[in-house]
Amino acid sequence: MTPLIFSPEFGLFTLGTLGIIDLIAATTNAFNGTLLARSPSHYKHFTIIGVALLGLAGGIGGGTLRDILLNEVPAPLVNPWYVFFCVAAILLALLIAYNAGEKFRAGLLSFMTAFTLPWYAIVGADKAMTHHLGYGAAILIGVIGTTGGRWIIDLSCMKIPQQLVRGEFFVGTAALTALLYIVLRFSLGVDIVLATAVAVLFGFGFRLLSLYMGWEEWEPSEPDELRAGEKAHHSLSVDIHEEFEER
């Protein structure tokens, strides 16, 4: 048998609705991962290849973990369009991140992560339900698919993973989005496109509102002396105001 250069499923037309949603998630998360790798909080004088690998990890890392947990061949290995679109997003992010020596702008990354967060949650929840898993497992798969790429980037950059610290309902938004999608799609029988649109609008809106208002996950109570050295955290509204003041 002659080996194939590409998978027989190579082609955008083979993806289907859920595959297109997954491709959107991978592409936009690759863009976000590259911006994050170039941000002052994570940048460690990486090479271009290093930044690109981190961006690729952000793009397909969560989806790969999701597929492995569901005993599937990871989607990027089946259809190379995932890699092609992620590479294009990485190149675009590299051009934007440091344009003519400008400092990194936190507002763009915050906005884009809010936009992309719901997509992987929807795909993970849908795939888990089609594998006949329960609601709890489907929500967990949705959260892992959504946040797995960020986990890989944070650990690679020697940062505490965002899932473990204050993050304006980073994990919470993924869980709520997955739950909403499951209820709409599998309990109420809503069409996949409409269920996706509603869940994306909810997840994007809730995450963006949390960032703008500075809503965060609750921390356990602790003595004041332990909080004294805690780094001050700005809401997105403060970051945007500071960016416009600098211009």
C-alpha atoms as a PDB file:
ATOM      1  CA  MET A   1       0.000   0.000   0.000  1.00  0.00           C
ATOM      2  CA  THR A   2       1.410   3.394  -0.999  1.00  0.00           C
ATOM      3  CA  PRO A   3       1.767   5.691   2.034  1.00  0.00           C
ATOM      4  CA  LEU A   4      -0.334   8.833   1.930  1.00  0.00           C
ATOM      5  CA  ILE A   5       1.197  12.304   2.101  1.00  0.00           C
ATOM      6  CA  PHE A   6      -1.913  13.549   3.896  1.00  0.00           C
ATOM      7  CA  SER A   7      -4.777  11.831   5.666  1.00  0.00           C
ATOM      8  CA  PRO A   8      -7.698  10.757   3.457  1.00  0.00           C
ATOM      9  CA  GLU A   9      -9.744  13.199   5.549  1.00  0.00           C
ATOM     10  CA  PHE A  10      -7.558  16.086   4.399  1.00  0.00           C
ATOM     11  CA  GLY A  11      -9.830  18.925   3.373  1.00  0.00           C
ATOM     12  CA  LEU A  12     -12.040  21.496   5.015  1.00  0.00           C
ATOM     13  CA  PHE A  13     -15.133  19.850   3.563  1.00  0.00           C
ATOM     14  CA  THR A  14     -14.584  16.747   5.714  1.00  0.00           C
ATOM     15  CA  LEU A  15     -14.733  18.609   9.029  1.00  0.00           C
ATOM     16  CA  GLY A  16     -18.474  19.035   9.489  1.00  0.00           C
ATOM     17  CA  THR A  17     -20.052  21.595  11.812  1.00  0.00           C
ATOM     18  CA  LEU A  18     -18.342  20.381  14.983  1.00  0.00           C
ATOM     19  CA  GLY A  19     -15.013  20.094  13.180  1.00  0.00           C
ATOM     20  CA  ILE A  20     -15.250  23.682  11.952  1.00  0.00           C
ATOM     21  CA  ILE A  21     -15.981  24.832  15.516  1.00  0.00           C
ATOM     22  CA  ASP A  22     -12.948  22.848  16.667  1.00  0.00           C
ATOM     23  CA  LEU A  23     -10.802  24.419  13.945  1.00  0.00           C
ATOM     24  CA  ILE A  24     -11.921  27.902  15.024  1.00  0.00           C
ATOM     25  CA  ALA A  25     -10.981  27.036  18.600  1.00  0.00           C
ATOM     26  CA  ALA A  26      -7.548  25.705  17.614  1.00  0.00           C
ATOM     27  CA  THR A  27      -6.742  28.659  15.362  1.00  0.00           C
ATOM     28  CA  THR A  28      -7.758  31.384  17.778  1.00  0.00           C
ATOM     29  CA  ASN A  29      -6.078  29.648  20.702  1.00  0.00           C
ATOM     30  CA  ALA A  30      -2.838  29.388  18.708  1.00  0.00           C
ATOM     31  CA  PHE A  31      -3.081  33.161  18.205  1.00  0.00           C
ATOM     32  CA  ASN A  32      -3.658  33.657  21.937  1.00  0.00           C
ATOM     33  CA  GLY A  33      -0.895  31.259  22.910  1.00  0.00           C
ATOM     34  CA  THR A  34       1.603  33.165  20.801  1.00  0.00           C
ATOM     35  CA  LEU A  35       0.558  36.499  22.314  1.00  0.00           C
ATOM     36  CA  LEU A  36       0.854  34.970  25.777  1.00  0.00           C
ATOM     37  CA  ALA A  37       4.325  33.556  25.057  1.00  0.00           C
ATOM     38  CA  ARG A  38       5.448  37.044  23.976  1.00  0.00           C
ATOM     39  CA  SER A  39       3.863  38.860  26.910  1.00  0.00           C
ATOM     40  CA  PRO A  40       6.144  40.196  29.694  1.00  0.00           C
ATOM     41  CA  SER A  41       4.629  37.770  32.216  1.00  0.00           C
ATOM     42  CA  HIS A  42       5.726  34.695  30.218  1.00  0.00           C
ATOM     43  CA  TYR A  43       8.481  35.692  27.798  1.00  0.00           C
ATOM     44  CA  LYS A  44      11.854  34.081  28.544  1.00  0.00           C
ATOM     45  CA  HIS A  45      13.867  35.191  25.493  1.00  0.00           C
ATOM     46  CA  PHE A  46      12.448  32.350  23.420  1.00  0.00           C
ATOM     47  CA  THR A  47      13.532  31.773  19.845  1.00  0.00           C
ATOM     48  CA  ILE A  48      11.009  32.192  17.048  1.00  0.00           C
ATOM     49  CA  ILE A  49      10.665  28.410  16.957  1.00  0.00           C
ATOM     50  CA  GLY A  50      10.150  28.385  20.710  1.00  0.00           C
ATOM     51  CA  VAL A  51       7.363  30.949  20.538  1.00  0.00           C
ATOM     52  CA  ALA A  52       5.796  29.084  17.627  1.00  0.00           C
ATOM     53  CA  LEU A  53       5.833  25.795  19.554  1.00  0.00           C
ATOM     54  CA  LEU A  54       4.173  27.457  22.538  1.00  0.00           C
ATOM     55  CA  GLY A  55       1.578  28.969  20.235  1.00  0.00           C
ATOM     56  CA  LEU A  56       0.962  25.557  18.688  1.00  0.00           C
ATOM     57  CA  ALA A  57       0.649  24.034  22.151  1.00  0.00           C
ATOM     58  CA  GLY A  58      -1.926  26.686  22.994  1.00  0.00           C
ATOM     59  CA  GLY A  59      -3.790  25.946  19.783  1.00  0.00           C
ATOM     60  CA  ILE A  60      -3.974  22.159  19.741  1.00  0.00           C
ATOM     61  CA  GLY A  61      -2.786  21.154  23.225  1.00  0.00           C
ATOM     62  CA  GLY A  62      -6.188  21.187  24.896  1.00  0.00           C
ATOM     63  CA  GLY A  63      -7.899  19.470  21.987  1.00  0.00           C
ATOM     64  CA  THR A  64      -5.225  16.784  21.904  1.00  0.00           C
ATOM     65  CA  LEU A  65      -5.675  16.071  25.619  1.00  0.00           C
ATOM     66  CA  ARG A  66      -9.431  15.931  25.077  1.00  0.00           C
ATOM     67  CA  ASP A  67      -9.169  13.451  22.207  1.00  0.00           C
ATOM     68  CA  ILE A  68      -6.728  11.228  24.097  1.00  0.00           C
ATOM     69  CA  LEU A  69      -9.121  11.066  27.059  1.00  0.00           C
ATOM     70  CA  LEU A  70     -11.911  10.101  24.662  1.00  0.00           C
ATOM     71  CA  ASN A  71      -9.698   7.416  23.051  1.00  0.00           C
ATOM     72  CA  GLU A  72      -9.597   9.177  19.681  1.00  0.00           C
ATOM     73  CA  VAL A  73      -6.705   9.988  17.374  1.00  0.00           C
ATOM     74  CA  PRO A  74      -6.032  13.720  17.976  1.00  0.00           C
ATOM     75  CA  ALA A  75      -7.776  15.804  15.326  1.00  0.00           C
ATOM     76  CA  PRO A  76      -4.589  17.621  14.137  1.00  0.00           C
ATOM     77  CA  LEU A  77      -3.056  14.259  13.183  1.00  0.00           C
ATOM     78  CA  VAL A  78      -6.110  13.344  11.153  1.00  0.00           C
ATOM     79  CA  ASN A  79      -6.552  16.646   9.328  1.00  0.00           C
ATOM     80  CA  PRO A  80      -3.448  18.842   8.718  1.00  0.00           C
ATOM     81  CA  TRP A  81      -5.619  21.939   8.239  1.00  0.00           C
ATOM     82  CA  TYR A  82      -5.408  22.364  12.016  1.00  0.00           C
ATOM     83  CA  VAL A  83      -1.651  22.858  11.780  1.00  0.00           C
ATOM     84  CA  PHE A  84      -1.883  25.083   8.703  1.00  0.00           C
ATOM     85  CA  PHE A  85      -4.415  27.429  10.304  1.00  0.00           C
ATOM     86  CA  CYS A  86      -2.519  27.467  13.619  1.00  0.00           C
ATOM     87  CA  VAL A  87       0.750  28.377  11.887  1.00  0.00           C
ATOM     88  CA  ALA A  88      -0.986  31.243  10.071  1.00  0.00           C
ATOM     89  CA  ALA A  89      -2.419  32.478  13.389  1.00  0.00           C
ATOM     90  CA  ILE A  90       1.016  32.221  15.022  1.00  0.00           C
ATOM     91  CA  LEU A  91       2.624  34.316  12.288  1.00  0.00           C
ATOM     92  CA  LEU A  92      -0.111  36.944  12.604  1.00  0.00           C
ATOM     93  CA  ALA A  93       0.313  37.088  16.380  1.00  0.00           C
ATOM     94  CA  LEU A  94       4.088  37.480  16.054  1.00  0.00           C
ATOM     95  CA  LEU A  95       3.539  40.496  13.801  1.00  0.00           C
ATOM     96  CA  ILE A  96       1.055  42.060  16.210  1.00  0.00           C
ATOM     97  CA  ALA A  97       2.716  41.295  19.561  1.00  0.00           C
ATOM     98  CA  TYR A  98       5.730  43.555  19.127  1.00  0.00           C
ATOM     99  CA  ASN A  99       5.083  45.919  16.259  1.00  0.00           C
ATOM    100  CA  ALA A 100       8.023  48.301  15.743  1.00  0.00           C
ATOM    101  CA  GLY A 101       9.169  47.848  19.324  1.00  0.00           C
ATOM    102  CA  GLU A 102       5.823  48.665  20.956  1.00  0.00           C
ATOM    103  CA  LYS A 103       5.236  47.079  24.351  1.00  0.00           C
ATOM    104  CA  PHE A 104       2.766  44.246  24.581  1.00  0.00           C
ATOM    105  CA  ARG A 105      -0.847  45.298  24.963  1.00  0.00           C
ATOM    106  CA  ALA A 106      -2.791  43.274  27.568  1.00  0.00           C
ATOM    107  CA  GLY A 107      -6.181  44.391  26.289  1.00  0.00           C
ATOM    108  CA  LEU A 108      -5.971  42.471  22.993  1.00  0.00           C
ATOM    109  CA  LEU A 109      -4.973  39.219  24.708  1.00  0.00           C
ATOM    110  CA  SER A 110      -7.748  39.562  27.304  1.00  0.00           C
ATOM    111  CA  PHE A 111     -10.359  40.211  24.628  1.00  0.00           C
ATOM    112  CA  MET A 112      -9.211  37.344  22.415  1.00  0.00           C
ATOM    113  CA  THR A 113      -9.029  34.826  25.253  1.00  0.00           C
ATOM    114  CA  ALA A 114     -12.580  35.777  26.231  1.00  0.00           C
ATOM    115  CA  PHE A 115     -13.706  35.199  22.643  1.00  0.00           C
ATOM    116  CA  THR A 116     -11.960  31.845  22.191  1.00  0.00           C
ATOM    117  CA  LEU A 117     -12.667  30.298  25.582  1.00  0.00           C
ATOM    118  CA  PRO A 118     -16.190  28.967  24.820  1.00  0.00           C
ATOM    119  CA  TRP A 119     -15.364  27.161  21.572  1.00  0.00           C
ATOM    120  CA  TYR A 120     -13.278  24.317  22.996  1.00  0.00           C
ATOM    121  CA  ALA A 121     -15.734  23.914  25.881  1.00  0.00           C
ATOM    122  CA  ILE A 122     -18.516  23.282  23.350  1.00  0.00           C
ATOM    123  CA  VAL A 123     -16.525  20.794  21.277  1.00  0.00           C
ATOM    124  CA  GLY A 124     -15.328  18.889  24.335  1.00  0.00           C
ATOM    125  CA  ALA A 125     -18.817  18.674  25.809  1.00  0.00           C
ATOM    126  CA  ASP A 126     -20.334  17.542  22.507  1.00  0.00           C
ATOM    127  CA  LYS A 127     -17.708  14.870  21.885  1.00  0.00           C
ATOM    128  CA  ALA A 128     -18.038  13.557  25.433  1.00  0.00           C
ATOM    129  CA  MET A 129     -21.817  13.308  25.136  1.00  0.00           C
ATOM    130  CA  THR A 130     -21.561  11.456  21.812  1.00  0.00           C
ATOM    131  CA  HIS A 131     -19.292   8.992  23.630  1.00  0.00           C
ATOM    132  CA  HIS A 132     -22.219   8.400  26.005  1.00  0.00           C
ATOM    133  CA  LEU A 133     -20.595  10.023  29.004  1.00  0.00           C
ATOM    134  CA  GLY A 134     -22.626  11.758  31.691  1.00  0.00           C
ATOM    135  CA  TYR A 135     -23.082  15.494  32.201  1.00  0.00           C
ATOM    136  CA  GLY A 136     -20.345  15.704  34.831  1.00  0.00           C
ATOM    137  CA  ALA A 137     -17.769  13.941  32.652  1.00  0.00           C
ATOM    138  CA  ALA A 138     -18.774  16.005  29.616  1.00  0.00           C
ATOM    139  CA  ILE A 139     -18.305  19.257  31.520  1.00  0.00           C
ATOM    140  CA  LEU A 140     -14.903  18.036  32.756  1.00  0.00           C
ATOM    141  CA  ILE A 141     -13.825  17.144  29.217  1.00  0.00           C
ATOM    142  CA  GLY A 142     -15.004  20.567  28.083  1.00  0.00           C
ATOM    143  CA  VAL A 143     -12.914  22.270  30.754  1.00  0.00           C
ATOM    144  CA  ILE A 144      -9.813  20.192  29.978  1.00  0.00           C
ATOM    145  CA  GLY A 145     -10.108  20.879  26.252  1.00  0.00           C
ATOM    146  CA  THR A 146     -10.512  24.594  26.917  1.00  0.00           C
ATOM    147  CA  THR A 147      -7.763  25.116  29.477  1.00  0.00           C
ATOM    148  CA  GLY A 148      -5.236  22.378  28.637  1.00  0.00           C
ATOM    149  CA  GLY A 149      -3.249  24.510  26.209  1.00  0.00           C
ATOM    150  CA  ARG A 150      -2.852  27.277  28.785  1.00  0.00           C
ATOM    151  CA  TRP A 151      -1.631  24.702  31.320  1.00  0.00           C
ATOM    152  CA  ILE A 152       1.132  23.585  28.936  1.00  0.00           C
ATOM    153  CA  ILE A 153       2.217  27.166  28.189  1.00  0.00           C
ATOM    154  CA  ASP A 154       2.255  28.229  31.841  1.00  0.00           C
ATOM    155  CA  LEU A 155       4.346  25.238  32.934  1.00  0.00           C
ATOM    156  CA  SER A 156       6.732  25.716  29.994  1.00  0.00           C
ATOM    157  CA  CYS A 157       7.207  29.352  31.037  1.00  0.00           C
ATOM    158  CA  MET A 158       7.684  28.380  34.698  1.00  0.00           C
ATOM    159  CA  LYS A 159       4.435  30.050  35.754  1.00  0.00           C
ATOM    160  CA  ILE A 160       1.755  28.771  38.114  1.00  0.00           C
ATOM    161  CA  PRO A 161      -1.026  27.453  35.832  1.00  0.00           C
ATOM    162  CA  GLN A 162      -3.894  29.902  35.446  1.00  0.00           C
ATOM    163  CA  GLN A 163      -6.361  27.200  36.507  1.00  0.00           C
ATOM    164  CA  LEU A 164      -4.965  27.286  40.061  1.00  0.00           C
ATOM    165  CA  VAL A 165      -4.991  31.021  40.770  1.00  0.00           C
ATOM    166  CA  ARG A 166      -7.277  34.019  40.404  1.00  0.00           C
ATOM    167  CA  GLY A 167      -8.374  34.284  36.813  1.00  0.00           C
ATOM    168  CA  GLU A 168     -11.766  35.992  36.402  1.00  0.00           C
ATOM    169  CA  PHE A 169     -13.630  32.672  36.244  1.00  0.00           C
ATOM    170  CA  PHE A 170     -11.295  31.134  33.670  1.00  0.00           C
ATOM    171  CA  VAL A 171     -12.306  27.585  34.599  1.00  0.00           C
ATOM    172  CA  GLY A 172     -15.787  28.634  35.703  1.00  0.00           C
ATOM    173  CA  THR A 173     -16.661  30.136  32.316  1.00  0.00           C
ATOM    174  CA  ALA A 174     -15.596  26.953  30.523  1.00  0.00           C
ATOM    175  CA  ALA A 175     -17.692  24.799  32.875  1.00  0.00           C
ATOM    176  CA  LEU A 176     -20.789  27.008  32.604  1.00  0.00           C
ATOM    177  CA  THR A 177     -20.486  27.204  28.814  1.00  0.00           C
ATOM    178  CA  ALA A 178     -20.208  23.417  28.537  1.00  0.00           C
ATOM    179  CA  LEU A 179     -23.213  22.949  30.837  1.00  0.00           C
ATOM    180  CA  LEU A 180     -25.337  25.434  28.889  1.00  0.00           C
ATOM    181  CA  TYR A 181     -24.468  23.778  25.587  1.00  0.00           C
ATOM    182  CA  ILE A 182     -25.275  20.290  26.914  1.00  0.00           C
ATOM    183  CA  VAL A 183     -28.662  21.401  28.227  1.00  0.00           C
ATOM    184  CA  LEU A 184     -29.564  23.147  24.976  1.00  0.00           C
ATOM    185  CA  ARG A 185     -28.259  20.467  22.610  1.00  0.00           C
ATOM    186  CA  PHE A 186     -28.920  17.206  24.412  1.00  0.00           C
ATOM    187  CA  SER A 187     -31.732  17.974  26.862  1.00  0.00           C
ATOM    188  CA  LEU A 188     -33.815  20.431  24.832  1.00  0.00           C
ATOM    189  CA  GLY A 189     -32.832  19.185  21.356  1.00  0.00           C
ATOM    190  CA  VAL A 190     -31.768  22.606  20.045  1.00  0.00           C
ATOM    191  CA  ASP A 191     -30.021  22.642  16.656  1.00  0.00           C
ATOM    192  CA  ILE A 192     -26.228  22.452  16.938  1.00  0.00           C
ATOM    193  CA  VAL A 193     -25.652  25.821  15.248  1.00  0.00           C
ATOM    194  CA  LEU A 194     -28.144  27.653  17.476  1.00  0.00           C
ATOM    195  CA  ALA A 195     -26.935  25.879  20.628  1.00  0.00           C
ATOM    196  CA  THR A 196     -23.346  26.784  19.748  1.00  0.00           C
ATOM    197  CA  ALA A 197     -24.240  30.424  19.042  1.00  0.00           C
ATOM    198  CA  VAL A 198     -26.063  30.818  22.365  1.00  0.00           C
ATOM    199  CA  ALA A 199     -23.299  29.092  24.357  1.00  0.00           C
ATOM    200  CA  VAL A 200     -20.548  31.133  22.664  1.00  0.00           C
ATOM    201  CA  LEU A 201     -22.375  34.417  23.303  1.00  0.00           C
ATOM    202  CA  PHE A 202     -22.896  33.457  26.933  1.00  0.00           C
ATOM    203  CA  GLY A 203     -19.306  32.308  27.499  1.00  0.00           C
ATOM    204  CA  PHE A 204     -17.784  35.286  25.705  1.00  0.00           C
ATOM    205  CA  GLY A 205     -20.068  37.759  27.468  1.00  0.00           C
ATOM    206  CA  PHE A 206     -19.598  36.290  30.943  1.00  0.00           C
ATOM    207  CA  ARG A 207     -15.818  36.031  30.591  1.00  0.00           C
ATOM    208  CA  LEU A 208     -15.511  39.559  29.181  1.00  0.00           C
ATOM    209  CA  LEU A 209     -17.745  40.961  31.918  1.00  0.00           C
ATOM    210  CA  SER A 210     -15.686  39.141  34.561  1.00  0.00           C
ATOM    211  CA  LEU A 211     -12.481  40.599  33.118  1.00  0.00           C
ATOM    212  CA  TYR A 212     -13.933  44.102  32.882  1.00  0.00           C
ATOM    213  CA  MET A 213     -15.464  44.092  36.359  1.00  0.00           C
ATOM    214  CA  GLY A 214     -12.606  42.193  38.008  1.00  0.00           C
ATOM    215  CA  TRP A 215     -14.788  39.288  39.166  1.00  0.00           C
ATOM    216  CA  GLU A 216     -12.589  36.435  40.350  1.00  0.00           C
ATOM    217  CA  GLU A 217     -12.804  32.967  41.818  1.00  0.00           C
ATOM    218  CA  TRP A 218     -13.012  32.925  45.576  1.00  0.00           C
ATOM    219  CA  GLU A 219      -9.893  32.249  47.629  1.00  0.00           C
ATOM    220  CA  PRO A 220      -9.909  30.454  51.000  1.00  0.00           C
ATOM    221  CA  SER A 221      -9.744  32.718  54.020  1.00  0.00           C
ATOM    222  CA  GLU A 222      -6.239  33.393  55.288  1.00  0.00           C
ATOM    223  CA  PRO A 223      -4.499  35.760  57.720  1.00  0.00           C
ATOM    224  CA  ASP A 224      -3.907  39.339  56.594  1.00  0.00           C
ATOM    225  CA  GLU A 225      -0.133  38.937  56.819  1.00  0.00           C
ATOM    226  CA  LEU A 226      -0.258  36.289  54.089  1.00  0.00           C
ATOM    227  CA  ARG A 227      -2.210  38.621  51.821  1.00  0.00           C
ATOM    228  CA  ALA A 228       0.179  41.518  52.389  1.00  0.00           C
ATOM    229  CA  GLY A 229       2.623  40.457  49.681  1.00  0.00           C
ATOM    230  CA  GLU A 230      -0.035  39.473  47.176  1.00  0.00           C
ATOM    231  CA  LYS A 231       0.333  41.159  43.815  1.00  0.00           C
ATOM    232  CA  ALA A 232      -2.355  43.701  43.015  1.00  0.00           C
ATOM    233  CA  HIS A 233      -4.644  42.594  40.219  1.00  0.00           C
ATOM    234  CA  HIS A 234      -6.179  45.023  37.735  1.00  0.00           C
ATOM    235  CA  SER A 235      -9.479  44.541  35.964  1.00  0.00           C
ATOM    236  CA  LEU A 236      -9.642  44.782  32.189  1.00  0.00           C
ATOM    237  CA  SER A 237     -11.209  48.236  32.501  1.00  0.00           C
ATOM    238  CA  VAL A 238      -8.092  49.497  34.316  1.00  0.00           C
ATOM    239  CA  ASP A 239      -5.747  47.838  31.781  1.00  0.00           C
ATOM    240  CA  ILE A 240      -7.591  49.384  28.841  1.00  0.00           C
ATOM    241  CA  HIS A 241      -7.606  52.803  30.503  1.00  0.00           C
ATOM    242  CA  GLU A 242      -3.846  52.588  31.153  1.00  0.00           C
ATOM    243  CA  GLU A 243      -3.177  51.522  27.546  1.00  0.00           C
ATOM    244  CA  PHE A 244      -5.070  54.505  26.141  1.00  0.00           C
ATOM    245  CA  GLU A 245      -3.314  56.829  28.605  1.00  0.00           C
ATOM    246  CA  GLU A 246       0.066  55.582  27.296  1.00  0.00           C
ATOM    247  CA  ARG A 247      -0.775  56.179  23.641  1.00  0.00           C
END
